Amino acid sequence: MTKPISPLLPIAYSKEVASAKQRGAPLVALESTIITHGMPYPGNIEMARSVETIIREQGAVPATIAVIHGTLHIGLEAGELEQLAKATEVMKVSRADLAFAIAERRTGATTVAATMIAAARAGIRVFATGGIGGVHRGAEESFDISADLEELASTGVIVVCAGAKAILDIPKTLEVLETRGVPVVTYESEEFPAFWSRASGIRSPLSLNSPAAIANFQTVREQLGIDGGMLIANPVPEADEIAREEMEIYIERALDSAERDEITGKAVTPYLLSTIFDLTDGQSLKTNIALVENNARLAAEIAVALGE
């Protein structure tokens, strides 16, 4: 059961989200790290607006989540979205430092884990993102495992993504999700996707072929009293994908570069994505935008189905 938000917590709903909550309209949460750390301005604001428009076109309401000067925002007004897209020195907040950003009145962009926390507190059941974090390659030595996996195990939000980011160890990521009891459902495919690529070479634990079936699965989980989230893996559209064999070459080069430059911690993923952008002459970013838009569309369809 979602705990009520403390009356002392500085939280602000956009007018659109507040209206949707009042009338019981379907809502889709969106993270903000992709805006502040995923791509430069003005491409980031164009992408954010496009994703919000796609959700509205499917009959749901977008709720982009961020911390702005210590206030947790559930949905951003147009001016706030623009300011965030232009902002510099924005914290990248996860479970460990979401409360810190609020307490210290900082501005922070939410990762998958932090967005899930905020969405659940606001009563939003579906969240669209690009790809989740997971077990990093070499984690048996570095112990580098994303907080996203633990959040999926404990927070009751449906997360629609294009799989785990392909820079990660996908088999180990799926193993951790299985151990933590997180349902992993691939949409319209028997094979788990690999972010930029439709195929990972790994069979998906589960698969469903309609938003209604996904909504029904979640309803039955709730009826059984099963806590935690659900991961929906939505393969990138075929026209936009980069073949797995090709991507693996770029990823290995980026990983070698990160090791040479001694990149660690939260800096690893942005560094790898930036390096891969350069290696692919920008195609990785185009694919990233396409998959985010595709995930937003499916998430909105699931949110609508949950409300029917």
C-alpha atoms as a PDB file:
ATOM      1  CA  MET A   1       0.000   0.000   0.000  1.00  0.00           C
ATOM      2  CA  THR A   2       1.300   3.460  -0.894  1.00  0.00           C
ATOM      3  CA  LYS A   3       2.067   5.503   2.201  1.00  0.00           C
ATOM      4  CA  PRO A   4       0.544   8.994   2.351  1.00  0.00           C
ATOM      5  CA  ILE A   5       2.850  11.907   1.658  1.00  0.00           C
ATOM      6  CA  SER A   6       3.826  13.782   4.799  1.00  0.00           C
ATOM      7  CA  PRO A   7       2.151  17.205   4.990  1.00  0.00           C
ATOM      8  CA  LEU A   8       5.603  18.595   5.853  1.00  0.00           C
ATOM      9  CA  LEU A   9       7.230  17.316   2.656  1.00  0.00           C
ATOM     10  CA  PRO A  10       7.683  20.171   0.146  1.00  0.00           C
ATOM     11  CA  ILE A  11       5.870  18.776  -2.877  1.00  0.00           C
ATOM     12  CA  ALA A  12       4.282  20.510  -5.853  1.00  0.00           C
ATOM     13  CA  TYR A  13       1.946  19.106  -8.484  1.00  0.00           C
ATOM     14  CA  SER A  14       1.725  20.744 -11.880  1.00  0.00           C
ATOM     15  CA  LYS A  15      -1.730  22.049 -12.764  1.00  0.00           C
ATOM     16  CA  GLU A  16      -2.191  19.271 -15.325  1.00  0.00           C
ATOM     17  CA  VAL A  17      -1.217  16.521 -12.888  1.00  0.00           C
ATOM     18  CA  ALA A  18      -3.312  17.962 -10.047  1.00  0.00           C
ATOM     19  CA  SER A  19      -6.332  18.053 -12.348  1.00  0.00           C
ATOM     20  CA  ALA A  20      -5.704  14.479 -13.494  1.00  0.00           C
ATOM     21  CA  LYS A  21      -5.467  13.223  -9.918  1.00  0.00           C
ATOM     22  CA  GLN A  22      -8.681  14.994  -8.992  1.00  0.00           C
ATOM     23  CA  ARG A  23     -10.656  13.367 -11.799  1.00  0.00           C
ATOM     24  CA  GLY A  24      -8.901   9.993 -11.629  1.00  0.00           C
ATOM     25  CA  ALA A  25      -7.256  10.220 -15.055  1.00  0.00           C
ATOM     26  CA  PRO A  26      -4.398   7.829 -15.919  1.00  0.00           C
ATOM     27  CA  LEU A  27      -0.925   9.192 -15.165  1.00  0.00           C
ATOM     28  CA  VAL A  28       2.544   8.238 -16.410  1.00  0.00           C
ATOM     29  CA  ALA A  29       5.647   9.244 -14.456  1.00  0.00           C
ATOM     30  CA  LEU A  30       8.777  10.362 -16.306  1.00  0.00           C
ATOM     31  CA  GLU A  31      12.316  10.670 -14.958  1.00  0.00           C
ATOM     32  CA  SER A  32      14.367  13.847 -15.349  1.00  0.00           C
ATOM     33  CA  THR A  33      17.946  12.534 -15.446  1.00  0.00           C
ATOM     34  CA  ILE A  34      17.582  11.930 -19.163  1.00  0.00           C
ATOM     35  CA  ILE A  35      16.886  15.680 -19.521  1.00  0.00           C
ATOM     36  CA  THR A  36      19.782  16.968 -17.428  1.00  0.00           C
ATOM     37  CA  HIS A  37      22.372  14.239 -17.959  1.00  0.00           C
ATOM     38  CA  GLY A  38      21.252  12.457 -21.104  1.00  0.00           C
ATOM     39  CA  MET A  39      21.655  15.011 -23.873  1.00  0.00           C
ATOM     40  CA  PRO A  40      22.510  18.686 -24.407  1.00  0.00           C
ATOM     41  CA  TYR A  41      20.109  21.615 -24.824  1.00  0.00           C
ATOM     42  CA  PRO A  42      17.975  22.123 -26.919  1.00  0.00           C
ATOM     43  CA  GLY A  43      17.744  18.447 -27.892  1.00  0.00           C
ATOM     44  CA  ASN A  44      16.815  17.527 -24.325  1.00  0.00           C
ATOM     45  CA  ILE A  45      13.838  19.883 -24.135  1.00  0.00           C
ATOM     46  CA  GLU A  46      12.624  18.817 -27.568  1.00  0.00           C
ATOM     47  CA  MET A  47      12.759  15.181 -26.493  1.00  0.00           C
ATOM     48  CA  ALA A  48      10.996  15.904 -23.177  1.00  0.00           C
ATOM     49  CA  ARG A  49       8.175  17.768 -24.905  1.00  0.00           C
ATOM     50  CA  SER A  50       7.807  15.028 -27.521  1.00  0.00           C
ATOM     51  CA  VAL A  51       7.522  12.315 -24.876  1.00  0.00           C
ATOM     52  CA  GLU A  52       4.905  14.279 -22.937  1.00  0.00           C
ATOM     53  CA  THR A  53       2.903  14.851 -26.140  1.00  0.00           C
ATOM     54  CA  ILE A  54       2.954  11.134 -26.990  1.00  0.00           C
ATOM     55  CA  ILE A  55       1.546  10.275 -23.559  1.00  0.00           C
ATOM     56  CA  ARG A  56      -1.252  12.819 -23.950  1.00  0.00           C
ATOM     57  CA  GLU A  57      -2.096  11.447 -27.396  1.00  0.00           C
ATOM     58  CA  GLN A  58      -2.701   8.029 -25.849  1.00  0.00           C
ATOM     59  CA  GLY A  59      -5.172   9.451 -23.328  1.00  0.00           C
ATOM     60  CA  ALA A  60      -2.916   9.699 -20.274  1.00  0.00           C
ATOM     61  CA  VAL A  61      -1.241  12.594 -18.453  1.00  0.00           C
ATOM     62  CA  PRO A  62       2.569  12.938 -18.186  1.00  0.00           C
ATOM     63  CA  ALA A  63       4.192  13.667 -14.826  1.00  0.00           C
ATOM     64  CA  THR A  64       7.861  14.563 -15.195  1.00  0.00           C
ATOM     65  CA  ILE A  65       9.482  14.296 -11.755  1.00  0.00           C
ATOM     66  CA  ALA A  66      12.345  16.421 -10.407  1.00  0.00           C
ATOM     67  CA  VAL A  67      13.546  18.239  -7.303  1.00  0.00           C
ATOM     68  CA  ILE A  68      13.755  22.003  -7.827  1.00  0.00           C
ATOM     69  CA  HIS A  69      15.280  24.118  -5.045  1.00  0.00           C
ATOM     70  CA  GLY A  70      14.310  21.516  -2.472  1.00  0.00           C
ATOM     71  CA  THR A  71      10.732  20.969  -3.639  1.00  0.00           C
ATOM     72  CA  LEU A  72       9.705  17.627  -5.099  1.00  0.00           C
ATOM     73  CA  HIS A  73       7.806  18.326  -8.313  1.00  0.00           C
ATOM     74  CA  ILE A  74       5.317  15.812  -9.678  1.00  0.00           C
ATOM     75  CA  GLY A  75       4.803  17.208 -13.159  1.00  0.00           C
ATOM     76  CA  LEU A  76       6.535  20.312 -14.471  1.00  0.00           C
ATOM     77  CA  GLU A  77       5.018  23.444 -15.950  1.00  0.00           C
ATOM     78  CA  ALA A  78       6.391  24.470 -19.353  1.00  0.00           C
ATOM     79  CA  GLY A  79       8.676  27.128 -17.851  1.00  0.00           C
ATOM     80  CA  GLU A  80       9.999  24.734 -15.199  1.00  0.00           C
ATOM     81  CA  LEU A  81      10.782  22.115 -17.828  1.00  0.00           C
ATOM     82  CA  GLU A  82      12.666  24.715 -19.867  1.00  0.00           C
ATOM     83  CA  GLN A  83      14.663  25.884 -16.839  1.00  0.00           C
ATOM     84  CA  LEU A  84      15.590  22.322 -15.912  1.00  0.00           C
ATOM     85  CA  ALA A  85      16.723  21.587 -19.462  1.00  0.00           C
ATOM     86  CA  LYS A  86      19.077  24.594 -19.333  1.00  0.00           C
ATOM     87  CA  ALA A  87      20.270  24.086 -15.757  1.00  0.00           C
ATOM     88  CA  THR A  88      23.856  23.199 -14.869  1.00  0.00           C
ATOM     89  CA  GLU A  89      25.272  21.516 -11.756  1.00  0.00           C
ATOM     90  CA  VAL A  90      22.079  19.525 -11.249  1.00  0.00           C
ATOM     91  CA  MET A  91      22.377  16.605  -8.828  1.00  0.00           C
ATOM     92  CA  LYS A  92      21.650  13.132 -10.144  1.00  0.00           C
ATOM     93  CA  VAL A  93      19.538  11.733  -7.319  1.00  0.00           C
ATOM     94  CA  SER A  94      18.715   8.142  -6.445  1.00  0.00           C
ATOM     95  CA  ARG A  95      17.329   6.538  -3.276  1.00  0.00           C
ATOM     96  CA  ALA A  96      20.441   7.444  -1.283  1.00  0.00           C
ATOM     97  CA  ASP A  97      20.320  11.184  -1.909  1.00  0.00           C
ATOM     98  CA  LEU A  98      16.755  12.103  -2.930  1.00  0.00           C
ATOM     99  CA  ALA A  99      15.980  13.209   0.639  1.00  0.00           C
ATOM    100  CA  PHE A 100      19.347  14.999   0.827  1.00  0.00           C
ATOM    101  CA  ALA A 101      18.474  17.121  -2.234  1.00  0.00           C
ATOM    102  CA  ILE A 102      15.141  18.067  -0.661  1.00  0.00           C
ATOM    103  CA  ALA A 103      16.611  18.721   2.810  1.00  0.00           C
ATOM    104  CA  GLU A 104      19.424  20.874   1.423  1.00  0.00           C
ATOM    105  CA  ARG A 105      17.103  22.710  -1.002  1.00  0.00           C
ATOM    106  CA  ARG A 106      19.088  21.557  -3.997  1.00  0.00           C
ATOM    107  CA  THR A 107      17.981  20.936  -7.564  1.00  0.00           C
ATOM    108  CA  GLY A 108      18.160  17.294  -8.579  1.00  0.00           C
ATOM    109  CA  ALA A 109      17.182  15.146 -11.540  1.00  0.00           C
ATOM    110  CA  THR A 110      15.632  11.812 -10.610  1.00  0.00           C
ATOM    111  CA  THR A 111      17.034   8.456 -11.687  1.00  0.00           C
ATOM    112  CA  VAL A 112      14.841   5.372 -12.130  1.00  0.00           C
ATOM    113  CA  ALA A 113      14.947   4.553  -8.397  1.00  0.00           C
ATOM    114  CA  ALA A 114      14.159   8.098  -7.226  1.00  0.00           C
ATOM    115  CA  THR A 115      11.393   8.485  -9.817  1.00  0.00           C
ATOM    116  CA  MET A 116       9.809   5.243  -8.637  1.00  0.00           C
ATOM    117  CA  ILE A 117       9.840   6.456  -5.036  1.00  0.00           C
ATOM    118  CA  ALA A 118       8.223   9.771  -5.969  1.00  0.00           C
ATOM    119  CA  ALA A 119       5.688   8.162  -8.307  1.00  0.00           C
ATOM    120  CA  ALA A 120       4.579   5.664  -5.666  1.00  0.00           C
ATOM    121  CA  ARG A 121       4.207   8.438  -3.080  1.00  0.00           C
ATOM    122  CA  ALA A 122       2.058  10.375  -5.539  1.00  0.00           C
ATOM    123  CA  GLY A 123      -0.110   7.364  -6.392  1.00  0.00           C
ATOM    124  CA  ILE A 124       1.209   6.997  -9.953  1.00  0.00           C
ATOM    125  CA  ARG A 125       1.295   3.345 -11.019  1.00  0.00           C
ATOM    126  CA  VAL A 126       3.189   3.496 -14.331  1.00  0.00           C
ATOM    127  CA  PHE A 127       6.575   4.982 -15.204  1.00  0.00           C
ATOM    128  CA  ALA A 128       8.269   5.255 -18.613  1.00  0.00           C
ATOM    129  CA  THR A 129      12.039   5.479 -18.950  1.00  0.00           C
ATOM    130  CA  GLY A 130      14.780   4.587 -21.440  1.00  0.00           C
ATOM    131  CA  GLY A 131      16.662   1.750 -19.792  1.00  0.00           C
ATOM    132  CA  ILE A 132      17.098   0.675 -16.187  1.00  0.00           C
ATOM    133  CA  GLY A 133      20.377   0.416 -14.331  1.00  0.00           C
ATOM    134  CA  GLY A 134      21.602  -2.979 -13.236  1.00  0.00           C
ATOM    135  CA  VAL A 135      24.663  -5.069 -12.524  1.00  0.00           C
ATOM    136  CA  HIS A 136      27.748  -3.483 -14.089  1.00  0.00           C
ATOM    137  CA  ARG A 137      30.229  -5.592 -15.984  1.00  0.00           C
ATOM    138  CA  GLY A 138      32.953  -6.646 -13.567  1.00  0.00           C
ATOM    139  CA  ALA A 139      30.620  -6.244 -10.567  1.00  0.00           C
ATOM    140  CA  GLU A 140      32.159  -9.349  -9.009  1.00  0.00           C
ATOM    141  CA  GLU A 141      35.154  -7.096  -8.303  1.00  0.00           C
ATOM    142  CA  SER A 142      33.638  -3.601  -8.130  1.00  0.00           C
ATOM    143  CA  PHE A 143      30.304  -4.526  -6.468  1.00  0.00           C
ATOM    144  CA  ASP A 144      28.753  -1.857  -8.742  1.00  0.00           C
ATOM    145  CA  ILE A 145      25.030  -2.643  -8.815  1.00  0.00           C
ATOM    146  CA  SER A 146      22.391  -0.023  -9.484  1.00  0.00           C
ATOM    147  CA  ALA A 147      19.872   0.938  -6.817  1.00  0.00           C
ATOM    148  CA  ASP A 148      17.219   0.537  -9.539  1.00  0.00           C
ATOM    149  CA  LEU A 149      17.102  -3.216  -8.943  1.00  0.00           C
ATOM    150  CA  GLU A 150      16.398  -2.933  -5.229  1.00  0.00           C
ATOM    151  CA  GLU A 151      13.754  -0.295  -5.935  1.00  0.00           C
ATOM    152  CA  LEU A 152      12.003  -2.578  -8.408  1.00  0.00           C
ATOM    153  CA  ALA A 153      11.892  -5.234  -5.706  1.00  0.00           C
ATOM    154  CA  SER A 154      10.278  -2.975  -3.124  1.00  0.00           C
ATOM    155  CA  THR A 155       8.290  -0.196  -4.829  1.00  0.00           C
ATOM    156  CA  GLY A 156       4.977  -0.983  -6.524  1.00  0.00           C
ATOM    157  CA  VAL A 157       5.343   0.802  -9.855  1.00  0.00           C
ATOM    158  CA  ILE A 158       5.251  -0.651 -13.383  1.00  0.00           C
ATOM    159  CA  VAL A 159       8.450   0.434 -15.142  1.00  0.00           C
ATOM    160  CA  VAL A 160       8.425   0.437 -18.945  1.00  0.00           C
ATOM    161  CA  CYS A 161      11.892   0.437 -20.495  1.00  0.00           C
ATOM    162  CA  ALA A 162      13.850  -0.924 -23.462  1.00  0.00           C
ATOM    163  CA  GLY A 163      15.631  -3.389 -21.206  1.00  0.00           C
ATOM    164  CA  ALA A 164      18.679  -2.846 -19.041  1.00  0.00           C
ATOM    165  CA  LYS A 165      21.272  -0.538 -20.561  1.00  0.00           C
ATOM    166  CA  ALA A 166      23.444  -2.660 -22.869  1.00  0.00           C
ATOM    167  CA  ILE A 167      26.620  -1.377 -21.201  1.00  0.00           C
ATOM    168  CA  LEU A 168      25.659  -3.566 -18.209  1.00  0.00           C
ATOM    169  CA  ASP A 169      25.908  -7.285 -17.519  1.00  0.00           C
ATOM    170  CA  ILE A 170      22.409  -8.241 -18.665  1.00  0.00           C
ATOM    171  CA  PRO A 171      22.433 -11.916 -17.529  1.00  0.00           C
ATOM    172  CA  LYS A 172      23.511 -10.935 -14.008  1.00  0.00           C
ATOM    173  CA  THR A 173      20.934  -8.121 -13.962  1.00  0.00           C
ATOM    174  CA  LEU A 174      18.156 -10.571 -14.829  1.00  0.00           C
ATOM    175  CA  GLU A 175      19.451 -13.001 -12.206  1.00  0.00           C
ATOM    176  CA  VAL A 176      19.245 -10.329  -9.485  1.00  0.00           C
ATOM    177  CA  LEU A 177      15.726  -9.360 -10.578  1.00  0.00           C
ATOM    178  CA  GLU A 178      14.648 -13.008 -10.435  1.00  0.00           C
ATOM    179  CA  THR A 179      16.185 -13.434  -6.982  1.00  0.00           C
ATOM    180  CA  ARG A 180      14.335 -10.346  -5.737  1.00  0.00           C
ATOM    181  CA  GLY A 181      11.024 -11.592  -7.167  1.00  0.00           C
ATOM    182  CA  VAL A 182      10.587  -8.882  -9.798  1.00  0.00           C
ATOM    183  CA  PRO A 183       8.438  -9.953 -12.785  1.00  0.00           C
ATOM    184  CA  VAL A 184      10.273  -9.235 -16.050  1.00  0.00           C
ATOM    185  CA  VAL A 185       7.879  -9.116 -18.997  1.00  0.00           C
ATOM    186  CA  THR A 186       8.984  -8.495 -22.581  1.00  0.00           C
ATOM    187  CA  TYR A 187       6.336  -6.897 -24.753  1.00  0.00           C
ATOM    188  CA  GLU A 188       5.519  -8.737 -27.993  1.00  0.00           C
ATOM    189  CA  SER A 189       8.758 -10.748 -27.955  1.00  0.00           C
ATOM    190  CA  GLU A 190      10.160 -13.928 -26.413  1.00  0.00           C
ATOM    191  CA  GLU A 191      13.648 -12.391 -26.211  1.00  0.00           C
ATOM    192  CA  PHE A 192      14.760  -9.765 -23.706  1.00  0.00           C
ATOM    193  CA  PRO A 193      15.930  -6.575 -25.476  1.00  0.00           C
ATOM    194  CA  ALA A 194      19.299  -4.861 -25.054  1.00  0.00           C
ATOM    195  CA  PHE A 195      18.415  -1.152 -25.076  1.00  0.00           C
ATOM    196  CA  TRP A 196      19.787   0.013 -28.457  1.00  0.00           C
ATOM    197  CA  SER A 197      19.154  -3.476 -29.881  1.00  0.00           C
ATOM    198  CA  ARG A 198      15.964  -5.498 -30.051  1.00  0.00           C
ATOM    199  CA  ALA A 199      17.724  -8.718 -29.049  1.00  0.00           C
ATOM    200  CA  SER A 200      20.128  -9.615 -26.249  1.00  0.00           C
ATOM    201  CA  GLY A 201      20.451 -13.316 -26.991  1.00  0.00           C
ATOM    202  CA  ILE A 202      18.644 -14.055 -23.703  1.00  0.00           C
ATOM    203  CA  ARG A 203      15.151 -15.495 -23.474  1.00  0.00           C
ATOM    204  CA  SER A 204      12.736 -13.284 -21.570  1.00  0.00           C
ATOM    205  CA  PRO A 205      11.388 -14.707 -18.295  1.00  0.00           C
ATOM    206  CA  LEU A 206       7.841 -13.715 -19.321  1.00  0.00           C
ATOM    207  CA  SER A 207       6.140 -12.162 -22.341  1.00  0.00           C
ATOM    208  CA  LEU A 208       2.767 -10.503 -22.994  1.00  0.00           C
ATOM    209  CA  ASN A 209       1.291  -9.041 -26.142  1.00  0.00           C
ATOM    210  CA  SER A 210      -1.095  -6.296 -25.061  1.00  0.00           C
ATOM    211  CA  PRO A 211      -1.350  -3.410 -22.583  1.00  0.00           C
ATOM    212  CA  ALA A 212      -4.577  -4.954 -21.287  1.00  0.00           C
ATOM    213  CA  ALA A 213      -2.792  -8.217 -20.466  1.00  0.00           C
ATOM    214  CA  ILE A 214      -0.066  -6.314 -18.600  1.00  0.00           C
ATOM    215  CA  ALA A 215      -2.670  -4.352 -16.655  1.00  0.00           C
ATOM    216  CA  ASN A 216      -4.515  -7.568 -15.786  1.00  0.00           C
ATOM    217  CA  PHE A 217      -1.267  -9.196 -14.597  1.00  0.00           C
ATOM    218  CA  GLN A 218      -0.620  -6.265 -12.274  1.00  0.00           C
ATOM    219  CA  THR A 219      -4.200  -6.327 -10.975  1.00  0.00           C
ATOM    220  CA  VAL A 220      -3.878 -10.010 -10.054  1.00  0.00           C
ATOM    221  CA  ARG A 221      -0.552  -9.321  -8.295  1.00  0.00           C
ATOM    222  CA  GLU A 222      -2.263  -6.640  -6.220  1.00  0.00           C
ATOM    223  CA  GLN A 223      -5.176  -8.960  -5.438  1.00  0.00           C
ATOM    224  CA  LEU A 224      -2.671 -11.518  -4.152  1.00  0.00           C
ATOM    225  CA  GLY A 225      -0.995  -8.876  -2.008  1.00  0.00           C
ATOM    226  CA  ILE A 226       2.339  -9.181  -3.846  1.00  0.00           C
ATOM    227  CA  ASP A 227       4.460  -6.094  -3.251  1.00  0.00           C
ATOM    228  CA  GLY A 228       7.116  -4.554  -5.456  1.00  0.00           C
ATOM    229  CA  GLY A 229       7.333  -3.365  -9.010  1.00  0.00           C
ATOM    230  CA  MET A 230       7.103  -4.927 -12.428  1.00  0.00           C
ATOM    231  CA  LEU A 231       9.549  -4.468 -15.296  1.00  0.00           C
ATOM    232  CA  ILE A 232       8.164  -4.229 -18.813  1.00  0.00           C
ATOM    233  CA  ALA A 233      10.861  -4.553 -21.488  1.00  0.00           C
ATOM    234  CA  ASN A 234       9.723  -2.925 -24.734  1.00  0.00           C
ATOM    235  CA  PRO A 235      12.090  -3.573 -27.680  1.00  0.00           C
ATOM    236  CA  VAL A 236      13.174  -0.487 -29.626  1.00  0.00           C
ATOM    237  CA  PRO A 237      11.372  -0.182 -33.001  1.00  0.00           C
ATOM    238  CA  GLU A 238      13.134  -2.246 -35.658  1.00  0.00           C
ATOM    239  CA  ALA A 239      13.724   0.773 -37.895  1.00  0.00           C
ATOM    240  CA  ASP A 240      15.667   2.536 -35.132  1.00  0.00           C
ATOM    241  CA  GLU A 241      17.763  -0.242 -33.616  1.00  0.00           C
ATOM    242  CA  ILE A 242      21.509  -0.747 -33.806  1.00  0.00           C
ATOM    243  CA  ALA A 243      22.410  -4.422 -34.210  1.00  0.00           C
ATOM    244  CA  ARG A 244      23.670  -6.121 -31.049  1.00  0.00           C
ATOM    245  CA  GLU A 245      26.892  -7.341 -32.680  1.00  0.00           C
ATOM    246  CA  GLU A 246      27.737  -3.795 -33.793  1.00  0.00           C
ATOM    247  CA  MET A 247      26.859  -2.260 -30.432  1.00  0.00           C
ATOM    248  CA  GLU A 248      29.023  -4.726 -28.537  1.00  0.00           C
ATOM    249  CA  ILE A 249      32.108  -3.448 -30.384  1.00  0.00           C
ATOM    250  CA  TYR A 250      31.333   0.141 -29.371  1.00  0.00           C
ATOM    251  CA  ILE A 251      30.586  -0.864 -25.779  1.00  0.00           C
ATOM    252  CA  GLU A 252      33.881  -2.735 -25.378  1.00  0.00           C
ATOM    253  CA  ARG A 253      35.791   0.280 -26.695  1.00  0.00           C
ATOM    254  CA  ALA A 254      33.934   2.599 -24.305  1.00  0.00           C
ATOM    255  CA  LEU A 255      34.604   0.298 -21.343  1.00  0.00           C
ATOM    256  CA  ASP A 256      38.306   0.190 -22.172  1.00  0.00           C
ATOM    257  CA  SER A 257      38.346   3.975 -22.341  1.00  0.00           C
ATOM    258  CA  ALA A 258      36.579   4.301 -18.973  1.00  0.00           C
ATOM    259  CA  GLU A 259      39.127   1.979 -17.368  1.00  0.00           C
ATOM    260  CA  ARG A 260      42.049   3.976 -18.786  1.00  0.00           C
ATOM    261  CA  ASP A 261      40.536   7.227 -17.516  1.00  0.00           C
ATOM    262  CA  GLU A 262      39.748   5.670 -14.102  1.00  0.00           C
ATOM    263  CA  ILE A 263      36.053   6.571 -14.253  1.00  0.00           C
ATOM    264  CA  THR A 264      34.071   5.237 -11.262  1.00  0.00           C
ATOM    265  CA  GLY A 265      30.737   5.495  -9.441  1.00  0.00           C
ATOM    266  CA  LYS A 266      27.902   7.603 -10.793  1.00  0.00           C
ATOM    267  CA  ALA A 267      30.202   9.002 -13.505  1.00  0.00           C
ATOM    268  CA  VAL A 268      30.492   5.632 -15.272  1.00  0.00           C
ATOM    269  CA  THR A 269      27.165   5.507 -17.092  1.00  0.00           C
ATOM    270  CA  PRO A 270      27.227   9.122 -18.409  1.00  0.00           C
ATOM    271  CA  TYR A 271      30.837   8.618 -19.517  1.00  0.00           C
ATOM    272  CA  LEU A 272      30.048   5.402 -21.383  1.00  0.00           C
ATOM    273  CA  LEU A 273      26.959   6.859 -23.063  1.00  0.00           C
ATOM    274  CA  SER A 274      28.922   9.933 -24.167  1.00  0.00           C
ATOM    275  CA  THR A 275      31.751   7.817 -25.539  1.00  0.00           C
ATOM    276  CA  ILE A 276      29.341   5.542 -27.401  1.00  0.00           C
ATOM    277  CA  PHE A 277      27.640   8.634 -28.857  1.00  0.00           C
ATOM    278  CA  ASP A 278      30.985   9.675 -30.340  1.00  0.00           C
ATOM    279  CA  LEU A 279      31.816   6.174 -31.581  1.00  0.00           C
ATOM    280  CA  THR A 280      28.441   5.833 -33.337  1.00  0.00           C
ATOM    281  CA  ASP A 281      28.529   9.358 -34.822  1.00  0.00           C
ATOM    282  CA  GLY A 282      25.399  10.237 -32.851  1.00  0.00           C
ATOM    283  CA  GLN A 283      23.289   7.255 -33.913  1.00  0.00           C
ATOM    284  CA  SER A 284      23.113   5.926 -30.342  1.00  0.00           C
ATOM    285  CA  LEU A 285      21.355   9.110 -29.227  1.00  0.00           C
ATOM    286  CA  LYS A 286      18.836   8.933 -32.091  1.00  0.00           C
ATOM    287  CA  THR A 287      18.067   5.356 -31.090  1.00  0.00           C
ATOM    288  CA  ASN A 288      17.819   6.408 -27.446  1.00  0.00           C
ATOM    289  CA  ILE A 289      15.222   9.061 -28.274  1.00  0.00           C
ATOM    290  CA  ALA A 290      13.237   6.601 -30.414  1.00  0.00           C
ATOM    291  CA  LEU A 291      13.107   3.995 -27.664  1.00  0.00           C
ATOM    292  CA  VAL A 292      12.102   6.531 -25.001  1.00  0.00           C
ATOM    293  CA  GLU A 293       9.224   7.700 -27.192  1.00  0.00           C
ATOM    294  CA  ASN A 294       8.236   4.089 -27.846  1.00  0.00           C
ATOM    295  CA  ASN A 295       8.253   3.331 -24.118  1.00  0.00           C
ATOM    296  CA  ALA A 296       6.161   6.417 -23.341  1.00  0.00           C
ATOM    297  CA  ARG A 297       3.522   5.249 -25.798  1.00  0.00           C
ATOM    298  CA  LEU A 298       3.281   1.776 -24.264  1.00  0.00           C
ATOM    299  CA  ALA A 299       3.328   3.135 -20.705  1.00  0.00           C
ATOM    300  CA  ALA A 300       0.401   5.422 -21.489  1.00  0.00           C
ATOM    301  CA  GLU A 301      -1.538   2.512 -23.003  1.00  0.00           C
ATOM    302  CA  ILE A 302      -0.907   0.441 -19.858  1.00  0.00           C
ATOM    303  CA  ALA A 303      -1.966   3.341 -17.598  1.00  0.00           C
ATOM    304  CA  VAL A 304      -5.201   3.707 -19.559  1.00  0.00           C
ATOM    305  CA  ALA A 305      -5.820  -0.055 -19.388  1.00  0.00           C
ATOM    306  CA  LEU A 306      -5.296  -0.044 -15.599  1.00  0.00           C
ATOM    307  CA  GLY A 307      -8.041   2.540 -15.294  1.00  0.00           C
ATOM    308  CA  GLU A 308     -10.592   0.614 -17.326  1.00  0.00           C
END
